[in-house]
C-alpha atoms as a PDB file:
ATOM      1  CA  MET A   1      95.339  86.790 104.312  1.00  0.00           C
ATOM      2  CA  ARG A   2      96.211  83.157 104.046  1.00  0.00           C
ATOM      3  CA  PRO A   3      92.635  81.833 103.599  1.00  0.00           C
ATOM      4  CA  PHE A   4      92.809  83.429 100.141  1.00  0.00           C
ATOM      5  CA  VAL A   5      94.629  80.324  98.984  1.00  0.00           C
ATOM      6  CA  SER A   6      92.059  77.831  97.769  1.00  0.00           C
ATOM      7  CA  SER A   7      93.509  74.848  99.605  1.00  0.00           C
ATOM      8  CA  LEU A   8      93.523  76.822 102.819  1.00  0.00           C
ATOM      9  CA  LEU A   9      90.012  78.003 102.275  1.00  0.00           C
ATOM     10  CA  ALA A  10      88.809  74.449 102.265  1.00  0.00           C
ATOM     11  CA  LEU A  11      90.633  73.546 105.446  1.00  0.00           C
ATOM     12  CA  CYS A  12      90.556  76.721 107.527  1.00  0.00           C
ATOM     13  CA  ILE A  13      87.581  78.892 106.726  1.00  0.00           C
ATOM     14  CA  ALA A  14      84.904  76.534 107.967  1.00  0.00           C
ATOM     15  CA  ALA A  15      86.356  76.548 111.458  1.00  0.00           C
ATOM     16  CA  SER A  16      87.497  80.151 111.603  1.00  0.00           C
ATOM     17  CA  PRO A  17      86.068  82.773 109.239  1.00  0.00           C
ATOM     18  CA  ALA A  18      88.386  85.652 108.479  1.00  0.00           C
ATOM     19  CA  TYR A  19      88.185  88.566 106.108  1.00  0.00           C
ATOM     20  CA  PRO A  20      90.890  90.783 104.571  1.00  0.00           C
ATOM     21  CA  TRP A  21      90.724  93.960 106.680  1.00  0.00           C
ATOM     22  CA  TRP A  22      87.098  92.878 106.437  1.00  0.00           C
ATOM     23  CA  GLU A  23      85.488  95.389 104.095  1.00  0.00           C
ATOM     24  CA  THR A  24      85.970  98.407 106.312  1.00  0.00           C
ATOM     25  CA  GLY A  25      89.760  98.644 106.169  1.00  0.00           C
ATOM     26  CA  HIS A  26      89.950  98.519 102.379  1.00  0.00           C
ATOM     27  CA  GLU A  27      87.166 101.066 102.024  1.00  0.00           C
ATOM     28  CA  VAL A  28      88.860 103.417 104.489  1.00  0.00           C
ATOM     29  CA  VAL A  29      92.133 103.232 102.531  1.00  0.00           C
ATOM     30  CA  ALA A  30      90.306 104.024  99.284  1.00  0.00           C
ATOM     31  CA  ARG A  31      88.446 106.984 100.773  1.00  0.00           C
ATOM     32  CA  ILE A  32      91.624 108.471 102.238  1.00  0.00           C
ATOM     33  CA  ALA A  33      93.390 108.095  98.890  1.00  0.00           C
ATOM     34  CA  VAL A  34      90.665 110.013  97.048  1.00  0.00           C
ATOM     35  CA  THR A  35      91.245 113.081  99.212  1.00  0.00           C
ATOM     36  CA  GLU A  36      94.930 113.058  98.179  1.00  0.00           C
ATOM     37  CA  LEU A  37      94.533 112.700  94.396  1.00  0.00           C
ATOM     38  CA  THR A  38      95.808 115.285  91.945  1.00  0.00           C
ATOM     39  CA  PRO A  39      93.228 116.761  89.556  1.00  0.00           C
ATOM     40  CA  ALA A  40      94.653 114.701  86.676  1.00  0.00           C
ATOM     41  CA  ALA A  41      94.522 111.448  88.654  1.00  0.00           C
ATOM     42  CA  ARG A  42      91.019 112.253  89.883  1.00  0.00           C
ATOM     43  CA  THR A  43      89.808 112.796  86.324  1.00  0.00           C
ATOM     44  CA  ARG A  44      91.377 109.621  84.997  1.00  0.00           C
ATOM     45  CA  ILE A  45      90.153 107.413  87.836  1.00  0.00           C
ATOM     46  CA  ALA A  46      86.659 108.834  87.497  1.00  0.00           C
ATOM     47  CA  HIS A  47      86.824 107.934  83.796  1.00  0.00           C
ATOM     48  CA  ILE A  48      87.980 104.376  84.560  1.00  0.00           C
ATOM     49  CA  LEU A  49      85.206 103.918  87.126  1.00  0.00           C
ATOM     50  CA  ASN A  50      82.666 105.673  84.881  1.00  0.00           C
ATOM     51  CA  MET A  51      81.781 108.028  87.700  1.00  0.00           C
ATOM     52  CA  PRO A  52      81.638 111.813  88.176  1.00  0.00           C
ATOM     53  CA  ALA A  53      84.902 113.290  89.422  1.00  0.00           C
ATOM     54  CA  SER A  54      83.310 114.830  92.515  1.00  0.00           C
ATOM     55  CA  THR A  55      84.918 113.838  95.798  1.00  0.00           C
ATOM     56  CA  GLU A  56      81.809 112.125  97.148  1.00  0.00           C
ATOM     57  CA  ALA A  57      81.037 110.136  94.001  1.00  0.00           C
ATOM     58  CA  LEU A  58      84.640 109.100  93.486  1.00  0.00           C
ATOM     59  CA  SER A  59      85.106 108.191  97.141  1.00  0.00           C
ATOM     60  CA  ASN A  60      82.050 105.940  97.091  1.00  0.00           C
ATOM     61  CA  ALA A  61      83.052 104.322  93.805  1.00  0.00           C
ATOM     62  CA  LEU A  62      86.652 103.639  94.795  1.00  0.00           C
ATOM     63  CA  ALA A  63      85.544 102.292  98.179  1.00  0.00           C
ATOM     64  CA  GLN A  64      83.230  99.876  96.393  1.00  0.00           C
ATOM     65  CA  ALA A  65      85.991  98.898  93.974  1.00  0.00           C
ATOM     66  CA  SER A  66      88.410  98.225  96.834  1.00  0.00           C
ATOM     67  CA  THR A  67      86.813  94.893  97.786  1.00  0.00           C
ATOM     68  CA  TRP A  68      86.422  93.475  94.269  1.00  0.00           C
ATOM     69  CA  ALA A  69      89.696  91.514  94.441  1.00  0.00           C
ATOM     70  CA  ASP A  70      88.318  89.488  97.351  1.00  0.00           C
ATOM     71  CA  GLU A  71      84.884  89.049  95.846  1.00  0.00           C
ATOM     72  CA  THR A  72      86.383  87.482  92.704  1.00  0.00           C
ATOM     73  CA  LYS A  73      89.429  85.678  94.097  1.00  0.00           C
ATOM     74  CA  SER A  74      87.950  82.199  93.799  1.00  0.00           C
ATOM     75  CA  GLU A  75      87.125  82.505  90.125  1.00  0.00           C
ATOM     76  CA  THR A  76      90.333  84.364  89.242  1.00  0.00           C
ATOM     77  CA  ARG A  77      92.523  82.018  91.319  1.00  0.00           C
ATOM     78  CA  THR A  78      94.549  84.960  92.560  1.00  0.00           C
ATOM     79  CA  GLY A  79      94.619  84.087  96.261  1.00  0.00           C
ATOM     80  CA  GLU A  80      98.393  84.187  96.601  1.00  0.00           C
ATOM     81  CA  TRP A  81      98.481  87.760  95.342  1.00  0.00           C
ATOM     82  CA  HIS A  82      97.067  89.125  98.613  1.00  0.00           C
ATOM     83  CA  PHE A  83     100.035  88.506 100.912  1.00  0.00           C
ATOM     84  CA  ILE A  84     103.681  87.503 101.135  1.00  0.00           C
ATOM     85  CA  ASP A  85     104.993  84.835 103.510  1.00  0.00           C
ATOM     86  CA  LEU A  86     108.093  86.388 105.065  1.00  0.00           C
ATOM     87  CA  THR A  87     109.290  84.237 107.944  1.00  0.00           C
ATOM     88  CA  LEU A  88     110.627  85.469 111.242  1.00  0.00           C
ATOM     89  CA  GLN A  89     114.084  84.355 110.091  1.00  0.00           C
ATOM     90  CA  ASP A  90     113.952  86.257 106.792  1.00  0.00           C
ATOM     91  CA  THR A  91     115.744  89.458 105.946  1.00  0.00           C
ATOM     92  CA  ARG A  92     114.632  92.079 103.446  1.00  0.00           C
ATOM     93  CA  SER A  93     116.794  90.436 100.776  1.00  0.00           C
ATOM     94  CA  ASP A  94     114.549  87.361 101.004  1.00  0.00           C
ATOM     95  CA  LEU A  95     111.553  89.116  99.415  1.00  0.00           C
ATOM     96  CA  PRO A  96     112.203  87.725  95.909  1.00  0.00           C
ATOM     97  CA  LYS A  97     112.603  84.211  97.305  1.00  0.00           C
ATOM     98  CA  ARG A  98     109.213  84.437  99.023  1.00  0.00           C
ATOM     99  CA  CYS A  99     107.501  85.621  95.839  1.00  0.00           C
ATOM    100  CA  PRO A 100     107.888  82.919  93.167  1.00  0.00           C
ATOM    101  CA  ASP A 101     106.517  83.868  89.751  1.00  0.00           C
ATOM    102  CA  ALA A 102     105.460  87.281  91.116  1.00  0.00           C
ATOM    103  CA  ASN A 103     102.621  85.628  93.029  1.00  0.00           C
ATOM    104  CA  CYS A 104     102.594  87.920  96.032  1.00  0.00           C
ATOM    105  CA  ALA A 105     101.133  91.288  96.970  1.00  0.00           C
ATOM    106  CA  PRO A 106     104.136  93.600  96.487  1.00  0.00           C
ATOM    107  CA  ALA A 107     104.993  92.135  93.079  1.00  0.00           C
ATOM    108  CA  ARG A 108     101.396  92.500  91.935  1.00  0.00           C
ATOM    109  CA  ILE A 109     101.299  96.109  93.090  1.00  0.00           C
ATOM    110  CA  ALA A 110     104.273  96.842  90.825  1.00  0.00           C
ATOM    111  CA  ILE A 111     102.644  94.988  87.921  1.00  0.00           C
ATOM    112  CA  PHE A 112      99.294  96.755  88.138  1.00  0.00           C
ATOM    113  CA  GLU A 113     100.899 100.141  88.702  1.00  0.00           C
ATOM    114  CA  LYS A 114     102.821  99.599  85.456  1.00  0.00           C
ATOM    115  CA  ILE A 115      99.640  98.655  83.597  1.00  0.00           C
ATOM    116  CA  LEU A 116      97.881 101.814  84.777  1.00  0.00           C
ATOM    117  CA  ALA A 117     100.899 103.908  83.834  1.00  0.00           C
ATOM    118  CA  SER A 118     100.748 102.504  80.293  1.00  0.00           C
ATOM    119  CA  HIS A 119      97.451 104.386  79.757  1.00  0.00           C
ATOM    120  CA  GLY A 120      95.649 101.685  77.854  1.00  0.00           C
ATOM    121  CA  ALA A 121      98.582 100.129  76.044  1.00  0.00           C
ATOM    122  CA  ARG A 122      98.055  96.410  75.549  1.00  0.00           C
ATOM    123  CA  ILE A 123     100.765  95.100  77.837  1.00  0.00           C
ATOM    124  CA  SER A 124      98.588  92.696  79.813  1.00  0.00           C
ATOM    125  CA  ARG A 125      95.338  90.766  79.729  1.00  0.00           C
ATOM    126  CA  TRP A 126      94.151  92.985  82.600  1.00  0.00           C
ATOM    127  CA  ASN A 127      92.328  96.171  81.654  1.00  0.00           C
ATOM    128  CA  ASP A 128      92.569  99.520  83.431  1.00  0.00           C
ATOM    129  CA  LEU A 129      89.516  98.858  85.609  1.00  0.00           C
ATOM    130  CA  ASP A 130      90.799  95.512  86.868  1.00  0.00           C
ATOM    131  CA  SER A 131      94.276  96.951  87.390  1.00  0.00           C
ATOM    132  CA  LEU A 132      92.894  99.850  89.407  1.00  0.00           C
ATOM    133  CA  ARG A 133      90.795  97.550  91.579  1.00  0.00           C
ATOM    134  CA  TYR A 134      93.735  95.228  92.218  1.00  0.00           C
ATOM    135  CA  LEU A 135      96.103  98.083  92.992  1.00  0.00           C
ATOM    136  CA  VAL A 136      93.708  99.656  95.491  1.00  0.00           C
ATOM    137  CA  HIS A 137      93.159  96.339  97.211  1.00  0.00           C
ATOM    138  CA  PHE A 138      96.733  95.091  97.410  1.00  0.00           C
ATOM    139  CA  VAL A 139      98.083  98.359  98.783  1.00  0.00           C
ATOM    140  CA  GLY A 140      95.571  97.930 101.580  1.00  0.00           C
ATOM    141  CA  ASP A 141      96.575  94.302 102.069  1.00  0.00           C
ATOM    142  CA  ILE A 142     100.277  94.935 102.586  1.00  0.00           C
ATOM    143  CA  HIS A 143      99.518  97.386 105.387  1.00  0.00           C
ATOM    144  CA  GLN A 144      97.795  94.670 107.400  1.00  0.00           C
ATOM    145  CA  PRO A 145     100.907  93.386 109.207  1.00  0.00           C
ATOM    146  CA  LEU A 146      99.837  89.738 109.231  1.00  0.00           C
ATOM    147  CA  HIS A 147      99.763  89.772 105.421  1.00  0.00           C
ATOM    148  CA  ALA A 148     103.544  90.137 105.515  1.00  0.00           C
ATOM    149  CA  ILE A 149     104.697  87.493 107.954  1.00  0.00           C
ATOM    150  CA  SER A 150     104.652  83.771 108.637  1.00  0.00           C
ATOM    151  CA  ASP A 151     105.634  81.675 111.650  1.00  0.00           C
ATOM    152  CA  ALA A 152     104.430  78.330 110.298  1.00  0.00           C
ATOM    153  CA  ASP A 153     100.988  79.655 111.237  1.00  0.00           C
ATOM    154  CA  LEU A 154      99.415  80.895 107.995  1.00  0.00           C
ATOM    155  CA  GLY A 155      99.952  84.497 109.022  1.00  0.00           C
ATOM    156  CA  GLY A 156      98.280  84.146 112.407  1.00  0.00           C
ATOM    157  CA  ASN A 157      95.369  82.006 111.276  1.00  0.00           C
ATOM    158  CA  CYS A 158      96.414  79.058 113.449  1.00  0.00           C
ATOM    159  CA  GLU A 159      96.546  80.855 116.816  1.00  0.00           C
ATOM    160  CA  ARG A 160      93.018  80.492 118.133  1.00  0.00           C
ATOM    161  CA  LEU A 161      91.282  83.110 120.263  1.00  0.00           C
ATOM    162  CA  ASP A 162      89.274  81.583 123.100  1.00  0.00           C
ATOM    163  CA  PRO A 163      86.837  83.159 123.538  1.00  0.00           C
ATOM    164  CA  PRO A 164      86.520  84.944 120.173  1.00  0.00           C
ATOM    165  CA  ILE A 165      86.777  88.724 120.118  1.00  0.00           C
ATOM    166  CA  ASP A 166      83.826  90.125 118.218  1.00  0.00           C
ATOM    167  CA  ASN A 167      83.673  87.678 115.263  1.00  0.00           C
ATOM    168  CA  ALA A 168      87.430  87.061 115.236  1.00  0.00           C
ATOM    169  CA  ARG A 169      88.292  83.491 116.185  1.00  0.00           C
ATOM    170  CA  ASN A 170      91.999  83.629 115.446  1.00  0.00           C
ATOM    171  CA  LEU A 171      94.812  86.133 115.572  1.00  0.00           C
ATOM    172  CA  HIS A 172      94.697  86.945 111.870  1.00  0.00           C
ATOM    173  CA  ALA A 173      90.984  87.654 111.953  1.00  0.00           C
ATOM    174  CA  LEU A 174      91.504  89.934 114.951  1.00  0.00           C
ATOM    175  CA  TRP A 175      93.864  92.071 112.866  1.00  0.00           C
ATOM    176  CA  ASP A 176      91.832  91.757 109.687  1.00  0.00           C
ATOM    177  CA  GLY A 177      88.685  93.180 111.175  1.00  0.00           C
ATOM    178  CA  GLY A 178      88.067  92.457 114.831  1.00  0.00           C
ATOM    179  CA  ILE A 179      89.960  95.486 116.081  1.00  0.00           C
ATOM    180  CA  ILE A 180      88.670  97.761 113.316  1.00  0.00           C
ATOM    181  CA  ASN A 181      85.120  96.699 114.078  1.00  0.00           C
ATOM    182  CA  GLN A 182      85.605  97.749 117.692  1.00  0.00           C
ATOM    183  CA  MET A 183      86.953 101.132 116.584  1.00  0.00           C
ATOM    184  CA  ASN A 184      84.294 102.035 114.045  1.00  0.00           C
ATOM    185  CA  PRO A 185      82.642  99.689 111.537  1.00  0.00           C
ATOM    186  CA  ASN A 186      81.555 102.641 109.357  1.00  0.00           C
ATOM    187  CA  ASP A 187      84.194 103.211 106.698  1.00  0.00           C
ATOM    188  CA  ARG A 188      83.085 106.742 105.816  1.00  0.00           C
ATOM    189  CA  SER A 189      83.264 108.096 109.372  1.00  0.00           C
ATOM    190  CA  LEU A 190      86.442 106.163 110.237  1.00  0.00           C
ATOM    191  CA  ALA A 191      88.212 107.550 107.164  1.00  0.00           C
ATOM    192  CA  ALA A 192      87.110 111.082 108.050  1.00  0.00           C
ATOM    193  CA  ASP A 193      88.301 110.641 111.629  1.00  0.00           C
ATOM    194  CA  ILE A 194      91.727 109.378 110.541  1.00  0.00           C
ATOM    195  CA  GLU A 195      92.031 112.279 108.097  1.00  0.00           C
ATOM    196  CA  ALA A 196      91.119 114.758 110.848  1.00  0.00           C
ATOM    197  CA  HIS A 197      93.560 113.369 113.387  1.00  0.00           C
ATOM    198  CA  GLU A 198      96.400 111.168 112.106  1.00  0.00           C
ATOM    199  CA  ILE A 199      96.785 112.796 108.692  1.00  0.00           C
ATOM    200  CA  ALA A 200      96.008 116.392 109.653  1.00  0.00           C
ATOM    201  CA  GLY A 201      98.565 116.109 112.444  1.00  0.00           C
ATOM    202  CA  MET A 202     101.401 115.118 110.108  1.00  0.00           C
ATOM    203  CA  THR A 203     104.152 117.555 109.271  1.00  0.00           C
ATOM    204  CA  ALA A 204     105.545 117.857 105.763  1.00  0.00           C
ATOM    205  CA  ALA A 205     108.531 115.822 106.960  1.00  0.00           C
ATOM    206  CA  ASP A 206     106.200 113.122 108.314  1.00  0.00           C
ATOM    207  CA  ARG A 207     104.447 112.844 104.955  1.00  0.00           C
ATOM    208  CA  ALA A 208     107.713 112.758 103.052  1.00  0.00           C
ATOM    209  CA  GLU A 209     108.978 109.934 105.248  1.00  0.00           C
ATOM    210  CA  ILE A 210     105.768 107.927 104.806  1.00  0.00           C
ATOM    211  CA  LEU A 211     105.853 108.332 101.022  1.00  0.00           C
ATOM    212  CA  ARG A 212     109.483 107.295 100.667  1.00  0.00           C
ATOM    213  CA  GLY A 213     110.343 104.009  98.986  1.00  0.00           C
ATOM    214  CA  ASN A 214     108.119 101.549  97.174  1.00  0.00           C
ATOM    215  CA  GLN A 215     105.901  98.566  97.830  1.00  0.00           C
ATOM    216  CA  ASP A 216     108.830  96.362  98.885  1.00  0.00           C
ATOM    217  CA  ASP A 217     109.860  98.905 101.526  1.00  0.00           C
ATOM    218  CA  TRP A 218     106.293  99.172 102.769  1.00  0.00           C
ATOM    219  CA  VAL A 219     105.718  95.440 103.022  1.00  0.00           C
ATOM    220  CA  TRP A 220     108.997  95.021 104.913  1.00  0.00           C
ATOM    221  CA  GLU A 221     107.871  97.778 107.262  1.00  0.00           C
ATOM    222  CA  SER A 222     104.655  95.814 107.891  1.00  0.00           C
ATOM    223  CA  HIS A 223     106.665  92.654 108.442  1.00  0.00           C
ATOM    224  CA  LEU A 224     108.806  94.300 111.117  1.00  0.00           C
ATOM    225  CA  LEU A 225     105.694  95.755 112.716  1.00  0.00           C
ATOM    226  CA  ALA A 226     104.061  92.312 112.903  1.00  0.00           C
ATOM    227  CA  GLU A 227     107.207  90.851 114.398  1.00  0.00           C
ATOM    228  CA  ARG A 228     107.244  93.517 117.111  1.00  0.00           C
ATOM    229  CA  VAL A 229     103.583  94.029 118.061  1.00  0.00           C
ATOM    230  CA  VAL A 230     102.235  90.547 117.368  1.00  0.00           C
ATOM    231  CA  TYR A 231     104.838  87.809 117.672  1.00  0.00           C
ATOM    232  CA  ARG A 232     107.152  89.338 120.274  1.00  0.00           C
ATOM    233  CA  ARG A 233     104.541  91.123 122.319  1.00  0.00           C
ATOM    234  CA  LEU A 234     102.262  88.083 122.516  1.00  0.00           C
ATOM    235  CA  HIS A 235     105.225  85.723 123.102  1.00  0.00           C
ATOM    236  CA  ILE A 236     104.320  83.432 120.207  1.00  0.00           C
ATOM    237  CA  PRO A 237     106.876  80.612 119.870  1.00  0.00           C
ATOM    238  CA  MET A 238     109.278  80.986 116.942  1.00  0.00           C
ATOM    239  CA  GLU A 239     108.956  78.065 114.533  1.00  0.00           C
ATOM    240  CA  PRO A 240     111.232  76.869 111.716  1.00  0.00           C
ATOM    241  CA  PRO A 241     110.726  78.558 108.311  1.00  0.00           C
ATOM    242  CA  ILE A 242     108.161  76.065 107.039  1.00  0.00           C
ATOM    243  CA  PHE A 243     104.831  76.631 105.320  1.00  0.00           C
ATOM    244  CA  PRO A 244     102.107  74.165 106.377  1.00  0.00           C
ATOM    245  CA  GLN A 245      99.226  73.721 103.960  1.00  0.00           C
ATOM    246  CA  SER A 246      96.680  74.032 106.772  1.00  0.00           C
ATOM    247  CA  CYS A 247      96.420  74.634 110.492  1.00  0.00           C
ATOM    248  CA  GLN A 248      95.738  70.931 110.903  1.00  0.00           C
ATOM    249  CA  VAL A 249      99.377  70.205 110.091  1.00  0.00           C
ATOM    250  CA  ALA A 250     100.907  73.304 111.662  1.00  0.00           C
ATOM    251  CA  PRO A 251     103.368  72.822 114.550  1.00  0.00           C
ATOM    252  CA  SER A 252     101.711  71.843 117.827  1.00  0.00           C
ATOM    253  CA  ASP A 253     103.349  74.779 119.632  1.00  0.00           C
ATOM    254  CA  ILE A 254     101.371  77.068 117.343  1.00  0.00           C
ATOM    255  CA  VAL A 255      97.976  75.382 117.280  1.00  0.00           C
ATOM    256  CA  ASN A 256      98.055  74.919 121.065  1.00  0.00           C
ATOM    257  CA  PHE A 257      99.106  78.510 121.705  1.00  0.00           C
ATOM    258  CA  HIS A 258      96.332  80.802 122.901  1.00  0.00           C
ATOM    259  CA  PRO A 259      97.264  84.497 122.783  1.00  0.00           C
ATOM    260  CA  VAL A 260      96.298  86.586 125.791  1.00  0.00           C
ATOM    261  CA  ILE A 261      94.414  89.534 124.337  1.00  0.00           C
ATOM    262  CA  ASN A 262      93.436  92.109 126.937  1.00  0.00           C
ATOM    263  CA  GLY A 263      92.015  95.595 126.776  1.00  0.00           C
ATOM    264  CA  MET A 264      95.431  97.244 126.918  1.00  0.00           C
ATOM    265  CA  TYR A 265      96.608  95.279 123.885  1.00  0.00           C
ATOM    266  CA  LEU A 266      93.479  96.118 121.917  1.00  0.00           C
ATOM    267  CA  ASN A 267      93.749  99.836 122.701  1.00  0.00           C
ATOM    268  CA  ASP A 268      97.415  99.922 121.721  1.00  0.00           C
ATOM    269  CA  MET A 269      96.720  98.105 118.455  1.00  0.00           C
ATOM    270  CA  LYS A 270      93.848 100.425 117.561  1.00  0.00           C
ATOM    271  CA  GLN A 271      96.320 103.298 117.354  1.00  0.00           C
ATOM    272  CA  ILE A 272      98.688 101.238 115.217  1.00  0.00           C
ATOM    273  CA  ILE A 273      95.908 100.180 112.853  1.00  0.00           C
ATOM    274  CA  ARG A 274      94.746 103.775 112.462  1.00  0.00           C
ATOM    275  CA  MET A 275      98.250 104.778 111.400  1.00  0.00           C
ATOM    276  CA  GLN A 276      98.517 101.785 109.041  1.00  0.00           C
ATOM    277  CA  LEU A 277      95.274 102.830 107.357  1.00  0.00           C
ATOM    278  CA  ALA A 278      96.539 106.414 107.084  1.00  0.00           C
ATOM    279  CA  LYS A 279      99.825 105.281 105.546  1.00  0.00           C
ATOM    280  CA  ALA A 280      98.050 102.968 103.121  1.00  0.00           C
ATOM    281  CA  GLY A 281      95.731 105.742 101.946  1.00  0.00           C
ATOM    282  CA  LEU A 282      98.565 108.205 101.415  1.00  0.00           C
ATOM    283  CA  ARG A 283     100.751 105.665  99.639  1.00  0.00           C
ATOM    284  CA  LEU A 284      97.905 104.489  97.435  1.00  0.00           C
ATOM    285  CA  ALA A 285      97.293 108.093  96.388  1.00  0.00           C
ATOM    286  CA  LYS A 286     100.993 108.438  95.579  1.00  0.00           C
ATOM    287  CA  LEU A 287     100.880 105.414  93.270  1.00  0.00           C
ATOM    288  CA  LEU A 288      97.665 106.563  91.594  1.00  0.00           C
ATOM    289  CA  ASN A 289      99.004 110.072  91.092  1.00  0.00           C
ATOM    290  CA  GLU A 290     102.205 108.740  89.558  1.00  0.00           C
ATOM    291  CA  SER A 291     100.330 106.318  87.307  1.00  0.00           C
END
């Protein structure tokens, strides 16, 4: 989310705290992925995490590892790695333009997947543990639709919710954790519920379709989802493709826009978020198995 960027932290967080899928979303993605690992991937990840390879131990360890990228982002100065600013005017071919110097989530997923696939070869300053923790986290990030879009609004951070919903005071925070918190704030039980319903109900063709492509395809999918269920559905004004440094200098049409969030919208989005978490878990497992 956009408050990862240090300059935005200083200007935005004080007024409107927001968290990346809060902790719950990332932990759910990690737990789902563990259930989909091959024996070889399970053994290697357990070795990297210095944990037993049992499902319970590995699930707990990977869930804990999934939030490390946020906990250390200030000291590592890696805030821009957690999202990609694709504007409403962009096409899929604009992904490279919106990711200078590989400082965006999909590019970093590719980088850390490559490091893990090197099996300890010294191709980067990042070790296997750091690479695993980044990979787990960023795959989760790109499935939060507002991590893949921008309307001169810092990915929804500038549209204020009045009154707040749960602890979410802006649109981005609502998607990061407000809706998840209403569904089930317990990552273990939410992951199990998604596995029992969304994932268990998938056909082989459904799974194959979800696992097609790579991180660029998945982030573009999230972008289109955000465009449809956030910006169009809530009738947010379309702004020029500009990138304000804070909500204080964002367009007035954005900062003065107050989304109407009712119970129907929240219920509809809960189903979408459940499927996004399911997709993220399955796709993360794919990357870990291949690495």
